[in-house]
């Protein structure tokens, strides 16, 4: 089976250059990294009130396709801790399906979420559909990583979210409302383990407290 990183890890790290895996044995790979960024933006929305953050993760993958991982960040509600498990089914040499179940936990809050997703992985793009069982939200995204040369890579993202009948709080988005987001990031590999990134994140709504329309993103990611 082809050794491949899950789309979730590629989304967590600002530059795929920084995703490095160590082989524990012939069957298991472990990847881990830490990121320092000027903002934590997830699906077009800031989870840190536009403040700087420190993030880190570890992911363990078996060559059978099974994987588990843990990710954390500073930010609002005491930060965020996510854990997940999944399975990558290789359709052929070029195509794969990634099935994942994740839990998003906020130590200082109560809006924890459980999300299931399926991602079609291709040589040209990754297409994902995600469903939140706690609030009924659906999120669809298209991601493209475009290597420019050995040191530069361009990452493109487009997403669409529609809210279910439940919402987080009375002052949040209305029932059933949908929004779109997009992002572009440019990563530069300083070495095999360190990379810099700069990007732009756009959100449909610019009148919400956590909207990030027009925000410039930048930071440093190091794997080890």
C-alpha atoms as a PDB file:
ATOM      1  CA  UNK A   1       0.000   0.000   0.000  1.00  0.00           C
ATOM      2  CA  UNK A   2       1.209   3.522  -0.753  1.00  0.00           C
ATOM      3  CA  UNK A   3       2.348   5.450   2.279  1.00  0.00           C
ATOM      4  CA  UNK A   4       0.314   8.637   2.389  1.00  0.00           C
ATOM      5  CA  UNK A   5      -0.545  11.296   4.942  1.00  0.00           C
ATOM      6  CA  UNK A   6      -4.152  11.807   5.853  1.00  0.00           C
ATOM      7  CA  UNK A   7      -5.906  14.968   4.580  1.00  0.00           C
ATOM      8  CA  UNK A   8      -6.557  15.908   8.203  1.00  0.00           C
ATOM      9  CA  UNK A   9      -2.831  16.187   8.912  1.00  0.00           C
ATOM     10  CA  UNK A  10      -2.234  18.148   5.740  1.00  0.00           C
ATOM     11  CA  UNK A  11      -4.984  20.525   6.811  1.00  0.00           C
ATOM     12  CA  UNK A  12      -3.547  20.934  10.295  1.00  0.00           C
ATOM     13  CA  UNK A  13      -0.060  21.761   9.051  1.00  0.00           C
ATOM     14  CA  UNK A  14       0.273  24.972   7.111  1.00  0.00           C
ATOM     15  CA  UNK A  15       2.821  23.512   4.725  1.00  0.00           C
ATOM     16  CA  UNK A  16       3.023  19.920   3.568  1.00  0.00           C
ATOM     17  CA  UNK A  17       6.816  20.328   3.480  1.00  0.00           C
ATOM     18  CA  UNK A  18       6.774  20.178   7.270  1.00  0.00           C
ATOM     19  CA  UNK A  19       4.966  16.831   7.394  1.00  0.00           C
ATOM     20  CA  UNK A  20       7.722  14.311   8.081  1.00  0.00           C
ATOM     21  CA  UNK A  21       7.225  10.717   9.174  1.00  0.00           C
ATOM     22  CA  UNK A  22       9.639   8.394  10.932  1.00  0.00           C
ATOM     23  CA  UNK A  23       9.358   4.658  10.378  1.00  0.00           C
ATOM     24  CA  UNK A  24       9.147   2.838  13.703  1.00  0.00           C
ATOM     25  CA  UNK A  25       9.333  -0.471  11.848  1.00  0.00           C
ATOM     26  CA  UNK A  26       8.369  -1.866   8.453  1.00  0.00           C
ATOM     27  CA  UNK A  27       4.669  -1.296   9.167  1.00  0.00           C
ATOM     28  CA  UNK A  28       4.292   1.821  11.339  1.00  0.00           C
ATOM     29  CA  UNK A  29       5.027   5.487  10.688  1.00  0.00           C
ATOM     30  CA  UNK A  30       4.894   8.281  13.265  1.00  0.00           C
ATOM     31  CA  UNK A  31       4.710  11.948  12.319  1.00  0.00           C
ATOM     32  CA  UNK A  32       4.712  14.928  14.663  1.00  0.00           C
ATOM     33  CA  UNK A  33       5.125  18.680  14.325  1.00  0.00           C
ATOM     34  CA  UNK A  34       4.721  21.989  16.116  1.00  0.00           C
ATOM     35  CA  UNK A  35       3.482  25.233  14.552  1.00  0.00           C
ATOM     36  CA  UNK A  36       3.765  28.860  15.625  1.00  0.00           C
ATOM     37  CA  UNK A  37       1.218  31.025  13.773  1.00  0.00           C
ATOM     38  CA  UNK A  38      -0.291  34.500  13.952  1.00  0.00           C
ATOM     39  CA  UNK A  39      -3.846  33.072  13.944  1.00  0.00           C
ATOM     40  CA  UNK A  40      -5.732  29.789  14.202  1.00  0.00           C
ATOM     41  CA  UNK A  41      -8.144  29.620  11.287  1.00  0.00           C
ATOM     42  CA  UNK A  42     -10.345  26.587  10.710  1.00  0.00           C
ATOM     43  CA  UNK A  43     -12.760  26.542   7.794  1.00  0.00           C
ATOM     44  CA  UNK A  44     -12.553  30.299   7.428  1.00  0.00           C
ATOM     45  CA  UNK A  45     -13.244  31.053  11.097  1.00  0.00           C
ATOM     46  CA  UNK A  46     -10.725  32.121  13.737  1.00  0.00           C
ATOM     47  CA  UNK A  47     -10.572  29.933  16.820  1.00  0.00           C
ATOM     48  CA  UNK A  48      -8.199  32.275  18.647  1.00  0.00           C
ATOM     49  CA  UNK A  49      -9.925  35.675  18.282  1.00  0.00           C
ATOM     50  CA  UNK A  50      -7.242  36.471  15.691  1.00  0.00           C
ATOM     51  CA  UNK A  51      -4.472  36.069  18.292  1.00  0.00           C
ATOM     52  CA  UNK A  52      -1.200  34.114  17.822  1.00  0.00           C
ATOM     53  CA  UNK A  53      -1.232  30.399  18.644  1.00  0.00           C
ATOM     54  CA  UNK A  54       1.002  27.420  19.289  1.00  0.00           C
ATOM     55  CA  UNK A  55      -0.112  24.084  17.848  1.00  0.00           C
ATOM     56  CA  UNK A  56       1.180  20.537  17.827  1.00  0.00           C
ATOM     57  CA  UNK A  57       0.188  17.055  16.735  1.00  0.00           C
ATOM     58  CA  UNK A  58       1.213  13.419  16.565  1.00  0.00           C
ATOM     59  CA  UNK A  59      -0.140  10.881  14.086  1.00  0.00           C
ATOM     60  CA  UNK A  60       0.524   7.139  13.989  1.00  0.00           C
ATOM     61  CA  UNK A  61      -0.187   5.276  10.740  1.00  0.00           C
ATOM     62  CA  UNK A  62      -0.033   1.562   9.928  1.00  0.00           C
ATOM     63  CA  UNK A  63       0.700   0.370   6.406  1.00  0.00           C
ATOM     64  CA  UNK A  64      -2.661  -1.412   6.443  1.00  0.00           C
ATOM     65  CA  UNK A  65      -4.252   2.037   6.131  1.00  0.00           C
ATOM     66  CA  UNK A  66      -5.364   2.473   9.753  1.00  0.00           C
ATOM     67  CA  UNK A  67      -4.250   5.552  11.690  1.00  0.00           C
ATOM     68  CA  UNK A  68      -4.857   7.477  14.926  1.00  0.00           C
ATOM     69  CA  UNK A  69      -3.758  10.924  16.009  1.00  0.00           C
ATOM     70  CA  UNK A  70      -3.898  13.783  18.491  1.00  0.00           C
ATOM     71  CA  UNK A  71      -3.725  17.542  17.819  1.00  0.00           C
ATOM     72  CA  UNK A  72      -3.883  20.571  20.099  1.00  0.00           C
ATOM     73  CA  UNK A  73      -3.823  24.347  19.870  1.00  0.00           C
ATOM     74  CA  UNK A  74      -4.003  27.379  22.096  1.00  0.00           C
ATOM     75  CA  UNK A  75      -6.933  29.720  21.462  1.00  0.00           C
ATOM     76  CA  UNK A  76     -10.475  30.486  22.593  1.00  0.00           C
ATOM     77  CA  UNK A  77     -12.259  28.373  25.230  1.00  0.00           C
ATOM     78  CA  UNK A  78      -8.964  27.199  26.691  1.00  0.00           C
ATOM     79  CA  UNK A  79      -7.732  26.045  23.314  1.00  0.00           C
ATOM     80  CA  UNK A  80      -8.737  22.927  21.437  1.00  0.00           C
ATOM     81  CA  UNK A  81      -7.769  19.261  21.588  1.00  0.00           C
ATOM     82  CA  UNK A  82      -8.708  16.923  18.748  1.00  0.00           C
ATOM     83  CA  UNK A  83      -8.257  13.192  18.468  1.00  0.00           C
ATOM     84  CA  UNK A  84      -9.132  10.941  15.573  1.00  0.00           C
ATOM     85  CA  UNK A  85      -8.957   7.531  14.016  1.00  0.00           C
ATOM     86  CA  UNK A  86      -9.439   6.446  10.449  1.00  0.00           C
ATOM     87  CA  UNK A  87      -8.685   4.150   7.581  1.00  0.00           C
ATOM     88  CA  UNK A  88      -7.268   4.913   4.129  1.00  0.00           C
ATOM     89  CA  UNK A  89      -8.518   2.454   1.506  1.00  0.00           C
ATOM     90  CA  UNK A  90      -6.292   2.433  -1.570  1.00  0.00           C
ATOM     91  CA  UNK A  91      -8.461   2.069  -4.691  1.00  0.00           C
ATOM     92  CA  UNK A  92      -5.428   1.853  -6.981  1.00  0.00           C
ATOM     93  CA  UNK A  93      -2.007   3.455  -7.331  1.00  0.00           C
ATOM     94  CA  UNK A  94      -3.495   6.940  -7.735  1.00  0.00           C
ATOM     95  CA  UNK A  95      -6.819   7.011  -5.879  1.00  0.00           C
ATOM     96  CA  UNK A  96      -7.779   6.364  -2.258  1.00  0.00           C
ATOM     97  CA  UNK A  97     -10.691   6.869   0.129  1.00  0.00           C
ATOM     98  CA  UNK A  98     -10.025   8.166   3.637  1.00  0.00           C
ATOM     99  CA  UNK A  99     -12.684   7.363   6.262  1.00  0.00           C
ATOM    100  CA  UNK A 100     -12.224   9.273   9.524  1.00  0.00           C
ATOM    101  CA  UNK A 101     -13.963   9.799  12.868  1.00  0.00           C
ATOM    102  CA  UNK A 102     -12.786  12.773  14.937  1.00  0.00           C
ATOM    103  CA  UNK A 103     -13.628  14.418  18.243  1.00  0.00           C
ATOM    104  CA  UNK A 104     -13.129  18.173  18.746  1.00  0.00           C
ATOM    105  CA  UNK A 105     -12.817  19.038  22.444  1.00  0.00           C
ATOM    106  CA  UNK A 106     -12.655  22.536  23.974  1.00  0.00           C
ATOM    107  CA  UNK A 107     -11.285  22.408  27.555  1.00  0.00           C
ATOM    108  CA  UNK A 108     -12.801  25.761  28.533  1.00  0.00           C
ATOM    109  CA  UNK A 109     -16.069  25.388  26.659  1.00  0.00           C
ATOM    110  CA  UNK A 110     -18.950  23.003  26.089  1.00  0.00           C
ATOM    111  CA  UNK A 111     -19.420  22.957  22.319  1.00  0.00           C
ATOM    112  CA  UNK A 112     -17.577  19.690  21.778  1.00  0.00           C
ATOM    113  CA  UNK A 113     -18.197  17.980  18.458  1.00  0.00           C
ATOM    114  CA  UNK A 114     -17.937  14.538  16.898  1.00  0.00           C
ATOM    115  CA  UNK A 115     -17.413  14.483  13.153  1.00  0.00           C
ATOM    116  CA  UNK A 116     -17.333  11.755  10.553  1.00  0.00           C
ATOM    117  CA  UNK A 117     -15.856  12.282   7.121  1.00  0.00           C
ATOM    118  CA  UNK A 118     -14.921  10.643   3.857  1.00  0.00           C
ATOM    119  CA  UNK A 119     -12.255  12.038   1.526  1.00  0.00           C
ATOM    120  CA  UNK A 120     -11.512  11.123  -2.056  1.00  0.00           C
ATOM    121  CA  UNK A 121      -7.751  11.444  -2.529  1.00  0.00           C
ATOM    122  CA  UNK A 122      -6.470  11.875  -6.087  1.00  0.00           C
ATOM    123  CA  UNK A 123      -3.211  13.031  -7.709  1.00  0.00           C
ATOM    124  CA  UNK A 124      -4.893  16.346  -8.542  1.00  0.00           C
ATOM    125  CA  UNK A 125      -7.031  17.212  -5.499  1.00  0.00           C
ATOM    126  CA  UNK A 126      -8.680  15.953  -2.300  1.00  0.00           C
ATOM    127  CA  UNK A 127     -12.479  16.217  -2.027  1.00  0.00           C
ATOM    128  CA  UNK A 128     -14.053  15.807   1.438  1.00  0.00           C
ATOM    129  CA  UNK A 129     -17.555  15.573   2.900  1.00  0.00           C
ATOM    130  CA  UNK A 130     -17.905  15.927   6.685  1.00  0.00           C
ATOM    131  CA  UNK A 131     -20.877  15.620   9.059  1.00  0.00           C
ATOM    132  CA  UNK A 132     -21.093  16.825  12.663  1.00  0.00           C
ATOM    133  CA  UNK A 133     -23.331  14.498  14.668  1.00  0.00           C
ATOM    134  CA  UNK A 134     -23.681  16.850  17.642  1.00  0.00           C
ATOM    135  CA  UNK A 135     -24.980  19.898  15.770  1.00  0.00           C
ATOM    136  CA  UNK A 136     -26.035  18.547  12.402  1.00  0.00           C
ATOM    137  CA  UNK A 137     -23.589  20.659  10.389  1.00  0.00           C
ATOM    138  CA  UNK A 138     -22.213  19.544   7.037  1.00  0.00           C
ATOM    139  CA  UNK A 139     -18.949  20.747   5.543  1.00  0.00           C
ATOM    140  CA  UNK A 140     -17.606  20.132   2.056  1.00  0.00           C
ATOM    141  CA  UNK A 141     -14.118  21.068   0.950  1.00  0.00           C
ATOM    142  CA  UNK A 142     -11.783  20.863  -2.014  1.00  0.00           C
ATOM    143  CA  UNK A 143      -8.022  21.025  -1.435  1.00  0.00           C
ATOM    144  CA  UNK A 144      -5.153  21.168  -3.877  1.00  0.00           C
ATOM    145  CA  UNK A 145      -1.407  21.074  -3.150  1.00  0.00           C
ATOM    146  CA  UNK A 146       0.712  22.344  -6.023  1.00  0.00           C
ATOM    147  CA  UNK A 147       4.499  21.878  -5.736  1.00  0.00           C
ATOM    148  CA  UNK A 148       6.247  24.736  -7.527  1.00  0.00           C
ATOM    149  CA  UNK A 149       9.773  23.362  -7.082  1.00  0.00           C
ATOM    150  CA  UNK A 150      11.809  21.576  -4.412  1.00  0.00           C
ATOM    151  CA  UNK A 151      11.320  24.395  -1.893  1.00  0.00           C
ATOM    152  CA  UNK A 152       8.049  26.117  -2.748  1.00  0.00           C
ATOM    153  CA  UNK A 153       4.520  24.782  -2.600  1.00  0.00           C
ATOM    154  CA  UNK A 154       1.141  26.431  -3.184  1.00  0.00           C
ATOM    155  CA  UNK A 155      -1.930  25.156  -1.312  1.00  0.00           C
ATOM    156  CA  UNK A 156      -5.472  26.031  -2.402  1.00  0.00           C
ATOM    157  CA  UNK A 157      -8.662  25.464  -0.401  1.00  0.00           C
ATOM    158  CA  UNK A 158     -12.383  26.024  -0.942  1.00  0.00           C
ATOM    159  CA  UNK A 159     -15.100  25.050   1.529  1.00  0.00           C
ATOM    160  CA  UNK A 160     -18.852  25.254   2.060  1.00  0.00           C
ATOM    161  CA  UNK A 161     -20.711  24.741   5.346  1.00  0.00           C
ATOM    162  CA  UNK A 162     -24.414  24.532   6.088  1.00  0.00           C
ATOM    163  CA  UNK A 163     -25.656  24.547   9.670  1.00  0.00           C
ATOM    164  CA  UNK A 164     -28.128  22.059  11.081  1.00  0.00           C
ATOM    165  CA  UNK A 165     -31.080  22.782  13.335  1.00  0.00           C
ATOM    166  CA  UNK A 166     -28.838  23.193  16.365  1.00  0.00           C
ATOM    167  CA  UNK A 167     -26.406  26.048  16.861  1.00  0.00           C
ATOM    168  CA  UNK A 168     -23.692  26.913  19.356  1.00  0.00           C
ATOM    169  CA  UNK A 169     -25.271  29.889  21.167  1.00  0.00           C
ATOM    170  CA  UNK A 170     -28.092  32.454  20.741  1.00  0.00           C
ATOM    171  CA  UNK A 171     -25.753  35.031  19.193  1.00  0.00           C
ATOM    172  CA  UNK A 172     -24.201  32.641  16.675  1.00  0.00           C
ATOM    173  CA  UNK A 173     -25.270  32.024  13.074  1.00  0.00           C
ATOM    174  CA  UNK A 174     -28.975  31.520  12.448  1.00  0.00           C
ATOM    175  CA  UNK A 175     -30.544  28.109  12.042  1.00  0.00           C
ATOM    176  CA  UNK A 176     -29.789  26.501   8.730  1.00  0.00           C
ATOM    177  CA  UNK A 177     -27.494  29.267   7.487  1.00  0.00           C
ATOM    178  CA  UNK A 178     -24.663  28.390   5.137  1.00  0.00           C
ATOM    179  CA  UNK A 179     -21.354  30.058   4.350  1.00  0.00           C
ATOM    180  CA  UNK A 180     -18.376  29.619   2.052  1.00  0.00           C
ATOM    181  CA  UNK A 181     -14.681  30.004   2.733  1.00  0.00           C
ATOM    182  CA  UNK A 182     -11.487  29.907   0.717  1.00  0.00           C
ATOM    183  CA  UNK A 183      -7.775  30.085   1.423  1.00  0.00           C
ATOM    184  CA  UNK A 184      -4.463  30.174  -0.363  1.00  0.00           C
ATOM    185  CA  UNK A 185      -1.125  29.394   1.298  1.00  0.00           C
ATOM    186  CA  UNK A 186       2.432  29.529   0.050  1.00  0.00           C
ATOM    187  CA  UNK A 187       4.962  27.372   1.874  1.00  0.00           C
ATOM    188  CA  UNK A 188       8.741  27.487   1.730  1.00  0.00           C
ATOM    189  CA  UNK A 189      10.883  24.600   2.987  1.00  0.00           C
ATOM    190  CA  UNK A 190      13.821  25.826   5.039  1.00  0.00           C
ATOM    191  CA  UNK A 191      14.949  22.227   5.490  1.00  0.00           C
ATOM    192  CA  UNK A 192      13.503  18.741   5.616  1.00  0.00           C
ATOM    193  CA  UNK A 193      11.959  19.536   8.998  1.00  0.00           C
ATOM    194  CA  UNK A 194      11.214  23.280   9.010  1.00  0.00           C
ATOM    195  CA  UNK A 195       9.057  25.428   6.756  1.00  0.00           C
ATOM    196  CA  UNK A 196       7.639  28.937   6.637  1.00  0.00           C
ATOM    197  CA  UNK A 197       4.208  29.814   5.291  1.00  0.00           C
ATOM    198  CA  UNK A 198       2.166  32.858   4.399  1.00  0.00           C
ATOM    199  CA  UNK A 199      -1.458  32.816   3.328  1.00  0.00           C
ATOM    200  CA  UNK A 200      -4.772  34.561   2.955  1.00  0.00           C
ATOM    201  CA  UNK A 201      -8.079  33.306   4.380  1.00  0.00           C
ATOM    202  CA  UNK A 202     -11.454  34.558   3.194  1.00  0.00           C
ATOM    203  CA  UNK A 203     -14.856  34.116   4.805  1.00  0.00           C
ATOM    204  CA  UNK A 204     -18.259  34.973   3.388  1.00  0.00           C
ATOM    205  CA  UNK A 205     -19.429  36.930   6.455  1.00  0.00           C
ATOM    206  CA  UNK A 206     -17.368  39.896   7.656  1.00  0.00           C
ATOM    207  CA  UNK A 207     -19.783  41.049  10.360  1.00  0.00           C
ATOM    208  CA  UNK A 208     -19.309  38.116  12.748  1.00  0.00           C
ATOM    209  CA  UNK A 209     -16.991  38.195  15.745  1.00  0.00           C
ATOM    210  CA  UNK A 210     -14.880  35.301  14.529  1.00  0.00           C
ATOM    211  CA  UNK A 211     -14.888  35.982  10.786  1.00  0.00           C
ATOM    212  CA  UNK A 212     -11.463  36.157   9.177  1.00  0.00           C
ATOM    213  CA  UNK A 213     -12.237  37.806   5.860  1.00  0.00           C
ATOM    214  CA  UNK A 214      -9.172  39.528   4.478  1.00  0.00           C
ATOM    215  CA  UNK A 215      -6.779  38.136   7.088  1.00  0.00           C
ATOM    216  CA  UNK A 216      -3.135  37.471   6.259  1.00  0.00           C
ATOM    217  CA  UNK A 217      -1.802  34.277   7.860  1.00  0.00           C
ATOM    218  CA  UNK A 218       1.830  33.406   8.511  1.00  0.00           C
ATOM    219  CA  UNK A 219       3.925  31.156  10.700  1.00  0.00           C
ATOM    220  CA  UNK A 220       6.588  28.499  11.116  1.00  0.00           C
ATOM    221  CA  UNK A 221       6.152  24.717  11.270  1.00  0.00           C
ATOM    222  CA  UNK A 222       8.788  22.264  12.486  1.00  0.00           C
ATOM    223  CA  UNK A 223       8.567  18.474  12.402  1.00  0.00           C
ATOM    224  CA  UNK A 224      10.678  16.134  14.488  1.00  0.00           C
END
